[in-house]
Amino acid sequence: MTYALAHGTIQWCLLLSTLFAAGMTFTVALFPLTAVFARTWLLPLILRTEMIRNRLAVGLVTFAAITVIGLGGWPLMMGVNG
């Protein structure tokens, strides 16, 4: 504010401060609204898709395990000495 006052741009500084305050207010309001949305809409969706999520989780864990084994075995298969 002191810099803006010294350079005659106090209106821009006030506008910027107002926009910062509006952004913070929007963020604070958006968080609980998102929580309510997640509770009312996403929770029933999650409950309906439990079997699909479990199968997908098993597939992802299996893929991750095979990938880790492959990455660990790659130097051994290539004959790289460490």
PDB file of N, CA and C in Angstrom:
ATOM      1  N   MET A   1       0.816  -1.182   0.000  1.00  0.00           N
ATOM      2  CA  MET A   1       0.000   0.000   0.000  1.00  0.00           C
ATOM      3  C   MET A   1       0.869   1.257   0.000  1.00  0.00           C
ATOM      4  N   THR A   2       1.936   1.229   0.757  1.00  0.00           N
ATOM      5  CA  THR A   2       2.820   2.393   0.816  1.00  0.00           C
ATOM      6  C   THR A   2       3.432   2.671  -0.546  1.00  0.00           C
ATOM      7  N   TYR A   3       3.863   1.621  -1.226  1.00  0.00           N
ATOM      8  CA  TYR A   3       4.445   1.774  -2.562  1.00  0.00           C
ATOM      9  C   TYR A   3       3.405   2.330  -3.528  1.00  0.00           C
ATOM     10  N   ALA A   4       2.184   1.787  -3.458  1.00  0.00           N
ATOM     11  CA  ALA A   4       1.121   2.252  -4.346  1.00  0.00           C
ATOM     12  C   ALA A   4       0.765   3.706  -4.060  1.00  0.00           C
ATOM     13  N   LEU A   5       0.722   4.075  -2.793  1.00  0.00           N
ATOM     14  CA  LEU A   5       0.406   5.453  -2.429  1.00  0.00           C
ATOM     15  C   LEU A   5       1.490   6.414  -2.915  1.00  0.00           C
ATOM     16  N   ALA A   6       2.740   5.997  -2.803  1.00  0.00           N
ATOM     17  CA  ALA A   6       3.857   6.843  -3.232  1.00  0.00           C
ATOM     18  C   ALA A   6       3.871   7.036  -4.741  1.00  0.00           C
ATOM     19  N   HIS A   7       3.358   6.050  -5.481  1.00  0.00           N
ATOM     20  CA  HIS A   7       3.375   6.134  -6.943  1.00  0.00           C
ATOM     21  C   HIS A   7       2.011   6.498  -7.536  1.00  0.00           C
ATOM     22  N   GLY A   8       1.055   6.834  -6.689  1.00  0.00           N
ATOM     23  CA  GLY A   8      -0.235   7.307  -7.171  1.00  0.00           C
ATOM     24  C   GLY A   8      -1.116   6.235  -7.779  1.00  0.00           C
ATOM     25  N   THR A   9      -0.946   5.000  -7.379  1.00  0.00           N
ATOM     26  CA  THR A   9      -1.755   3.909  -7.936  1.00  0.00           C
ATOM     27  C   THR A   9      -2.542   3.206  -6.835  1.00  0.00           C
ATOM     28  N   ILE A  10      -3.079   3.990  -5.929  1.00  0.00           N
ATOM     29  CA  ILE A  10      -3.790   3.405  -4.792  1.00  0.00           C
ATOM     30  C   ILE A  10      -5.050   2.655  -5.242  1.00  0.00           C
ATOM     31  N   GLN A  11      -5.710   3.136  -6.318  1.00  0.00           N
ATOM     32  CA  GLN A  11      -6.928   2.468  -6.779  1.00  0.00           C
ATOM     33  C   GLN A  11      -6.629   1.046  -7.256  1.00  0.00           C
ATOM     34  N   TRP A  12      -5.480   0.844  -7.894  1.00  0.00           N
ATOM     35  CA  TRP A  12      -5.126  -0.500  -8.356  1.00  0.00           C
ATOM     36  C   TRP A  12      -4.789  -1.408  -7.180  1.00  0.00           C
ATOM     37  N   CYS A  13      -4.165  -0.840  -6.182  1.00  0.00           N
ATOM     38  CA  CYS A  13      -3.832  -1.610  -4.988  1.00  0.00           C
ATOM     39  C   CYS A  13      -5.109  -2.037  -4.260  1.00  0.00           C
ATOM     40  N   LEU A  14      -6.069  -1.120  -4.163  1.00  0.00           N
ATOM     41  CA  LEU A  14      -7.341  -1.460  -3.523  1.00  0.00           C
ATOM     42  C   LEU A  14      -8.104  -2.504  -4.331  1.00  0.00           C
ATOM     43  N   LEU A  15      -8.063  -2.378  -5.655  1.00  0.00           N
ATOM     44  CA  LEU A  15      -8.711  -3.373  -6.503  1.00  0.00           C
ATOM     45  C   LEU A  15      -8.070  -4.746  -6.315  1.00  0.00           C
ATOM     46  N   LEU A  16      -6.754  -4.770  -6.280  1.00  0.00           N
ATOM     47  CA  LEU A  16      -6.045  -6.027  -6.084  1.00  0.00           C
ATOM     48  C   LEU A  16      -6.369  -6.640  -4.725  1.00  0.00           C
ATOM     49  N   SER A  17      -6.414  -5.821  -3.686  1.00  0.00           N
ATOM     50  CA  SER A  17      -6.760  -6.309  -2.350  1.00  0.00           C
ATOM     51  C   SER A  17      -8.184  -6.859  -2.328  1.00  0.00           C
ATOM     52  N   THR A  18      -9.099  -6.182  -3.014  1.00  0.00           N
ATOM     53  CA  THR A  18     -10.481  -6.649  -3.093  1.00  0.00           C
ATOM     54  C   THR A  18     -10.563  -7.988  -3.812  1.00  0.00           C
ATOM     55  N   LEU A  19      -9.821  -8.126  -4.889  1.00  0.00           N
ATOM     56  CA  LEU A  19      -9.826  -9.389  -5.627  1.00  0.00           C
ATOM     57  C   LEU A  19      -9.215 -10.520  -4.802  1.00  0.00           C
ATOM     58  N   PHE A  20      -8.159 -10.224  -4.057  1.00  0.00           N
ATOM     59  CA  PHE A  20      -7.583 -11.235  -3.166  1.00  0.00           C
ATOM     60  C   PHE A  20      -8.613 -11.685  -2.133  1.00  0.00           C
ATOM     61  N   ALA A  21      -9.313 -10.726  -1.531  1.00  0.00           N
ATOM     62  CA  ALA A  21     -10.324 -11.055  -0.524  1.00  0.00           C
ATOM     63  C   ALA A  21     -11.462 -11.870  -1.139  1.00  0.00           C
ATOM     64  N   ALA A  22     -11.882 -11.497  -2.339  1.00  0.00           N
ATOM     65  CA  ALA A  22     -12.943 -12.248  -3.017  1.00  0.00           C
ATOM     66  C   ALA A  22     -12.484 -13.665  -3.329  1.00  0.00           C
ATOM     67  N   GLY A  23     -11.245 -13.820  -3.747  1.00  0.00           N
ATOM     68  CA  GLY A  23     -10.713 -15.146  -4.028  1.00  0.00           C
ATOM     69  C   GLY A  23     -10.649 -16.015  -2.791  1.00  0.00           C
ATOM     70  N   MET A  24     -10.242 -15.430  -1.676  1.00  0.00           N
ATOM     71  CA  MET A  24     -10.199 -16.194  -0.423  1.00  0.00           C
ATOM     72  C   MET A  24     -11.606 -16.583   0.018  1.00  0.00           C
ATOM     73  N   THR A  25     -12.553 -15.668  -0.102  1.00  0.00           N
ATOM     74  CA  THR A  25     -13.938 -15.963   0.260  1.00  0.00           C
ATOM     75  C   THR A  25     -14.492 -17.078  -0.618  1.00  0.00           C
ATOM     76  N   PHE A  26     -14.223 -17.003  -1.900  1.00  0.00           N
ATOM     77  CA  PHE A  26     -14.672 -18.036  -2.830  1.00  0.00           C
ATOM     78  C   PHE A  26     -14.080 -19.393  -2.462  1.00  0.00           C
ATOM     79  N   THR A  27     -12.791 -19.416  -2.142  1.00  0.00           N
ATOM     80  CA  THR A  27     -12.129 -20.665  -1.783  1.00  0.00           C
ATOM     81  C   THR A  27     -12.710 -21.245  -0.505  1.00  0.00           C
ATOM     82  N   VAL A  28     -12.925 -20.404   0.487  1.00  0.00           N
ATOM     83  CA  VAL A  28     -13.478 -20.867   1.761  1.00  0.00           C
ATOM     84  C   VAL A  28     -14.902 -21.381   1.565  1.00  0.00           C
ATOM     85  N   ALA A  29     -15.677 -20.770   0.700  1.00  0.00           N
ATOM     86  CA  ALA A  29     -17.042 -21.224   0.442  1.00  0.00           C
ATOM     87  C   ALA A  29     -17.062 -22.474  -0.419  1.00  0.00           C
ATOM     88  N   LEU A  30     -16.106 -22.597  -1.314  1.00  0.00           N
ATOM     89  CA  LEU A  30     -16.089 -23.732  -2.233  1.00  0.00           C
ATOM     90  C   LEU A  30     -15.773 -25.041  -1.525  1.00  0.00           C
ATOM     91  N   PHE A  31     -14.939 -25.008  -0.500  1.00  0.00           N
ATOM     92  CA  PHE A  31     -14.551 -26.238   0.185  1.00  0.00           C
ATOM     93  C   PHE A  31     -15.747 -26.963   0.806  1.00  0.00           C
ATOM     94  N   PRO A  32     -16.595 -26.314   1.621  1.00  0.00           N
ATOM     95  CA  PRO A  32     -17.742 -27.043   2.169  1.00  0.00           C
ATOM     96  C   PRO A  32     -18.763 -27.431   1.104  1.00  0.00           C
ATOM     97  N   LEU A  33     -18.911 -26.606   0.075  1.00  0.00           N
ATOM     98  CA  LEU A  33     -19.834 -26.982  -0.999  1.00  0.00           C
ATOM     99  C   LEU A  33     -19.357 -28.241  -1.714  1.00  0.00           C
ATOM    100  N   THR A  34     -18.061 -28.358  -1.906  1.00  0.00           N
ATOM    101  CA  THR A  34     -17.500 -29.560  -2.513  1.00  0.00           C
ATOM    102  C   THR A  34     -17.703 -30.762  -1.609  1.00  0.00           C
ATOM    103  N   ALA A  35     -17.551 -30.580  -0.313  1.00  0.00           N
ATOM    104  CA  ALA A  35     -17.762 -31.679   0.630  1.00  0.00           C
ATOM    105  C   ALA A  35     -19.218 -32.148   0.605  1.00  0.00           C
ATOM    106  N   VAL A  36     -20.153 -31.214   0.546  1.00  0.00           N
ATOM    107  CA  VAL A  36     -21.572 -31.581   0.468  1.00  0.00           C
ATOM    108  C   VAL A  36     -21.853 -32.307  -0.840  1.00  0.00           C
ATOM    109  N   PHE A  37     -21.306 -31.815  -1.933  1.00  0.00           N
ATOM    110  CA  PHE A  37     -21.477 -32.472  -3.229  1.00  0.00           C
ATOM    111  C   PHE A  37     -20.931 -33.892  -3.194  1.00  0.00           C
ATOM    112  N   ALA A  38     -19.752 -34.060  -2.623  1.00  0.00           N
ATOM    113  CA  ALA A  38     -19.146 -35.390  -2.558  1.00  0.00           C
ATOM    114  C   ALA A  38     -19.999 -36.327  -1.717  1.00  0.00           C
ATOM    115  N   ARG A  39     -20.561 -35.817  -0.650  1.00  0.00           N
ATOM    116  CA  ARG A  39     -21.367 -36.663   0.235  1.00  0.00           C
ATOM    117  C   ARG A  39     -22.679 -37.058  -0.422  1.00  0.00           C
ATOM    118  N   THR A  40     -23.335 -36.140  -1.102  1.00  0.00           N
ATOM    119  CA  THR A  40     -24.667 -36.421  -1.637  1.00  0.00           C
ATOM    120  C   THR A  40     -24.644 -37.107  -2.996  1.00  0.00           C
ATOM    121  N   TRP A  41     -23.623 -36.862  -3.800  1.00  0.00           N
ATOM    122  CA  TRP A  41     -23.627 -37.412  -5.150  1.00  0.00           C
ATOM    123  C   TRP A  41     -22.582 -38.500  -5.344  1.00  0.00           C
ATOM    124  N   LEU A  42     -21.376 -38.268  -4.870  1.00  0.00           N
ATOM    125  CA  LEU A  42     -20.306 -39.227  -5.126  1.00  0.00           C
ATOM    126  C   LEU A  42     -20.379 -40.458  -4.236  1.00  0.00           C
ATOM    127  N   LEU A  43     -20.828 -40.303  -2.989  1.00  0.00           N
ATOM    128  CA  LEU A  43     -20.877 -41.455  -2.089  1.00  0.00           C
ATOM    129  C   LEU A  43     -21.800 -42.555  -2.612  1.00  0.00           C
ATOM    130  N   PRO A  44     -23.022 -42.261  -3.061  1.00  0.00           N
ATOM    131  CA  PRO A  44     -23.841 -43.328  -3.641  1.00  0.00           C
ATOM    132  C   PRO A  44     -23.200 -43.967  -4.880  1.00  0.00           C
ATOM    133  N   LEU A  45     -22.513 -43.155  -5.673  1.00  0.00           N
ATOM    134  CA  LEU A  45     -21.822 -43.698  -6.841  1.00  0.00           C
ATOM    135  C   LEU A  45     -20.722 -44.659  -6.412  1.00  0.00           C
ATOM    136  N   ILE A  46     -19.983 -44.282  -5.395  1.00  0.00           N
ATOM    137  CA  ILE A  46     -18.908 -45.140  -4.896  1.00  0.00           C
ATOM    138  C   ILE A  46     -19.481 -46.440  -4.340  1.00  0.00           C
ATOM    139  N   LEU A  47     -20.602 -46.359  -3.637  1.00  0.00           N
ATOM    140  CA  LEU A  47     -21.204 -47.568  -3.077  1.00  0.00           C
ATOM    141  C   LEU A  47     -21.717 -48.504  -4.170  1.00  0.00           C
ATOM    142  N   ARG A  48     -22.227 -47.948  -5.269  1.00  0.00           N
ATOM    143  CA  ARG A  48     -22.745 -48.783  -6.355  1.00  0.00           C
ATOM    144  C   ARG A  48     -21.637 -49.468  -7.145  1.00  0.00           C
ATOM    145  N   THR A  49     -20.454 -48.904  -7.155  1.00  0.00           N
ATOM    146  CA  THR A  49     -19.380 -49.430  -8.000  1.00  0.00           C
ATOM    147  C   THR A  49     -18.310 -50.169  -7.199  1.00  0.00           C
ATOM    148  N   GLU A  50     -18.691 -50.731  -6.052  1.00  0.00           N
ATOM    149  CA  GLU A  50     -17.701 -51.377  -5.190  1.00  0.00           C
ATOM    150  C   GLU A  50     -17.039 -52.570  -5.875  1.00  0.00           C
ATOM    151  N   MET A  51     -17.804 -53.400  -6.566  1.00  0.00           N
ATOM    152  CA  MET A  51     -17.232 -54.582  -7.212  1.00  0.00           C
ATOM    153  C   MET A  51     -16.251 -54.179  -8.316  1.00  0.00           C
ATOM    154  N   ILE A  52     -16.622 -53.194  -9.095  1.00  0.00           N
ATOM    155  CA  ILE A  52     -15.740 -52.728 -10.171  1.00  0.00           C
ATOM    156  C   ILE A  52     -14.449 -52.167  -9.586  1.00  0.00           C
ATOM    157  N   ARG A  53     -14.571 -51.375  -8.516  1.00  0.00           N
ATOM    158  CA  ARG A  53     -13.382 -50.795  -7.887  1.00  0.00           C
ATOM    159  C   ARG A  53     -12.470 -51.866  -7.306  1.00  0.00           C
ATOM    160  N   ASN A  54     -13.057 -52.914  -6.716  1.00  0.00           N
ATOM    161  CA  ASN A  54     -12.234 -53.996  -6.174  1.00  0.00           C
ATOM    162  C   ASN A  54     -11.489 -54.731  -7.282  1.00  0.00           C
ATOM    163  N   ARG A  55     -12.172 -55.011  -8.381  1.00  0.00           N
ATOM    164  CA  ARG A  55     -11.505 -55.684  -9.505  1.00  0.00           C
ATOM    165  C   ARG A  55     -10.410 -54.805 -10.102  1.00  0.00           C
ATOM    166  N   LEU A  56     -10.697 -53.536 -10.235  1.00  0.00           N
ATOM    167  CA  LEU A  56      -9.704 -52.599 -10.752  1.00  0.00           C
ATOM    168  C   LEU A  56      -8.500 -52.503  -9.814  1.00  0.00           C
ATOM    169  N   ALA A  57      -8.751 -52.512  -8.514  1.00  0.00           N
ATOM    170  CA  ALA A  57      -7.656 -52.447  -7.543  1.00  0.00           C
ATOM    171  C   ALA A  57      -6.771 -53.681  -7.637  1.00  0.00           C
ATOM    172  N   VAL A  58      -7.381 -54.852  -7.775  1.00  0.00           N
ATOM    173  CA  VAL A  58      -6.589 -56.082  -7.915  1.00  0.00           C
ATOM    174  C   VAL A  58      -5.757 -56.014  -9.188  1.00  0.00           C
ATOM    175  N   GLY A  59      -6.350 -55.539 -10.268  1.00  0.00           N
ATOM    176  CA  GLY A  59      -5.613 -55.411 -11.521  1.00  0.00           C
ATOM    177  C   GLY A  59      -4.452 -54.433 -11.415  1.00  0.00           C
ATOM    178  N   LEU A  60      -4.677 -53.299 -10.763  1.00  0.00           N
ATOM    179  CA  LEU A  60      -3.606 -52.314 -10.608  1.00  0.00           C
ATOM    180  C   LEU A  60      -2.482 -52.827  -9.717  1.00  0.00           C
ATOM    181  N   VAL A  61      -2.835 -53.528  -8.643  1.00  0.00           N
ATOM    182  CA  VAL A  61      -1.810 -54.080  -7.753  1.00  0.00           C
ATOM    183  C   VAL A  61      -1.002 -55.138  -8.487  1.00  0.00           C
ATOM    184  N   THR A  62      -1.677 -55.976  -9.262  1.00  0.00           N
ATOM    185  CA  THR A  62      -0.974 -57.001 -10.031  1.00  0.00           C
ATOM    186  C   THR A  62      -0.045 -56.360 -11.057  1.00  0.00           C
ATOM    187  N   PHE A  63      -0.538 -55.371 -11.769  1.00  0.00           N
ATOM    188  CA  PHE A  63       0.284 -54.667 -12.750  1.00  0.00           C
ATOM    189  C   PHE A  63       1.491 -54.015 -12.089  1.00  0.00           C
ATOM    190  N   ALA A  64       1.276 -53.381 -10.937  1.00  0.00           N
ATOM    191  CA  ALA A  64       2.377 -52.729 -10.227  1.00  0.00           C
ATOM    192  C   ALA A  64       3.416 -53.746  -9.779  1.00  0.00           C
ATOM    193  N   ALA A  65       2.970 -54.902  -9.283  1.00  0.00           N
ATOM    194  CA  ALA A  65       3.910 -55.929  -8.830  1.00  0.00           C
ATOM    195  C   ALA A  65       4.733 -56.461  -9.998  1.00  0.00           C
ATOM    196  N   ILE A  66       4.081 -56.727 -11.117  1.00  0.00           N
ATOM    197  CA  ILE A  66       4.802 -57.226 -12.294  1.00  0.00           C
ATOM    198  C   ILE A  66       5.785 -56.167 -12.797  1.00  0.00           C
ATOM    199  N   THR A  67       5.382 -54.909 -12.772  1.00  0.00           N
ATOM    200  CA  THR A  67       6.264 -53.828 -13.212  1.00  0.00           C
ATOM    201  C   THR A  67       7.487 -53.705 -12.313  1.00  0.00           C
ATOM    202  N   VAL A  68       7.295 -53.795 -11.001  1.00  0.00           N
ATOM    203  CA  VAL A  68       8.421 -53.704 -10.070  1.00  0.00           C
ATOM    204  C   VAL A  68       9.371 -54.874 -10.267  1.00  0.00           C
ATOM    205  N   ILE A  69       8.828 -56.065 -10.436  1.00  0.00           N
ATOM    206  CA  ILE A  69       9.676 -57.239 -10.675  1.00  0.00           C
ATOM    207  C   ILE A  69      10.425 -57.080 -11.992  1.00  0.00           C
ATOM    208  N   GLY A  70       9.727 -56.595 -13.015  1.00  0.00           N
ATOM    209  CA  GLY A  70      10.373 -56.389 -14.314  1.00  0.00           C
ATOM    210  C   GLY A  70      11.480 -55.353 -14.257  1.00  0.00           C
ATOM    211  N   LEU A  71      11.225 -54.246 -13.585  1.00  0.00           N
ATOM    212  CA  LEU A  71      12.259 -53.212 -13.473  1.00  0.00           C
ATOM    213  C   LEU A  71      13.442 -53.687 -12.633  1.00  0.00           C
ATOM    214  N   GLY A  72      13.169 -54.480 -11.621  1.00  0.00           N
ATOM    215  CA  GLY A  72      14.256 -55.012 -10.805  1.00  0.00           C
ATOM    216  C   GLY A  72      15.051 -56.075 -11.529  1.00  0.00           C
ATOM    217  N   GLY A  73      14.382 -56.853 -12.370  1.00  0.00           N
ATOM    218  CA  GLY A  73      15.060 -57.924 -13.091  1.00  0.00           C
ATOM    219  C   GLY A  73      15.706 -57.489 -14.387  1.00  0.00           C
ATOM    220  N   TRP A  74      15.359 -56.312 -14.861  1.00  0.00           N
ATOM    221  CA  TRP A  74      15.894 -55.824 -16.131  1.00  0.00           C
ATOM    222  C   TRP A  74      17.419 -55.803 -16.156  1.00  0.00           C
ATOM    223  N   PRO A  75      18.099 -55.243 -15.164  1.00  0.00           N
ATOM    224  CA  PRO A  75      19.565 -55.265 -15.200  1.00  0.00           C
ATOM    225  C   PRO A  75      20.125 -56.687 -15.171  1.00  0.00           C
ATOM    226  N   LEU A  76      19.459 -57.587 -14.463  1.00  0.00           N
ATOM    227  CA  LEU A  76      19.926 -58.977 -14.413  1.00  0.00           C
ATOM    228  C   LEU A  76      19.785 -59.647 -15.775  1.00  0.00           C
ATOM    229  N   MET A  77      18.683 -59.373 -16.461  1.00  0.00           N
ATOM    230  CA  MET A  77      18.468 -59.980 -17.776  1.00  0.00           C
ATOM    231  C   MET A  77      19.422 -59.411 -18.820  1.00  0.00           C
ATOM    232  N   MET A  78      19.813 -58.166 -18.661  1.00  0.00           N
ATOM    233  CA  MET A  78      20.714 -57.529 -19.615  1.00  0.00           C
ATOM    234  C   MET A  78      22.179 -57.823 -19.307  1.00  0.00           C
ATOM    235  N   GLY A  79      22.422 -58.423 -18.172  1.00  0.00           N
ATOM    236  CA  GLY A  79      23.788 -58.765 -17.815  1.00  0.00           C
ATOM    237  C   GLY A  79      24.610 -57.584 -17.348  1.00  0.00           C
ATOM    238  N   VAL A  80      23.969 -56.569 -16.828  1.00  0.00           N
ATOM    239  CA  VAL A  80      24.680 -55.391 -16.347  1.00  0.00           C
ATOM    240  C   VAL A  80      25.251 -55.707 -14.971  1.00  0.00           C
ATOM    241  N   ASN A  81      26.543 -55.479 -14.816  1.00  0.00           N
ATOM    242  CA  ASN A  81      27.177 -55.713 -13.524  1.00  0.00           C
ATOM    243  C   ASN A  81      27.211 -54.409 -12.748  1.00  0.00           C
ATOM    244  N   GLY A  82      26.797 -54.485 -11.494  1.00  0.00           N
ATOM    245  CA  GLY A  82      26.761 -53.274 -10.692  1.00  0.00           C
ATOM    246  C   GLY A  82      27.859 -53.261  -9.763  1.00  0.00           C
TER     247      GLY A  82
END
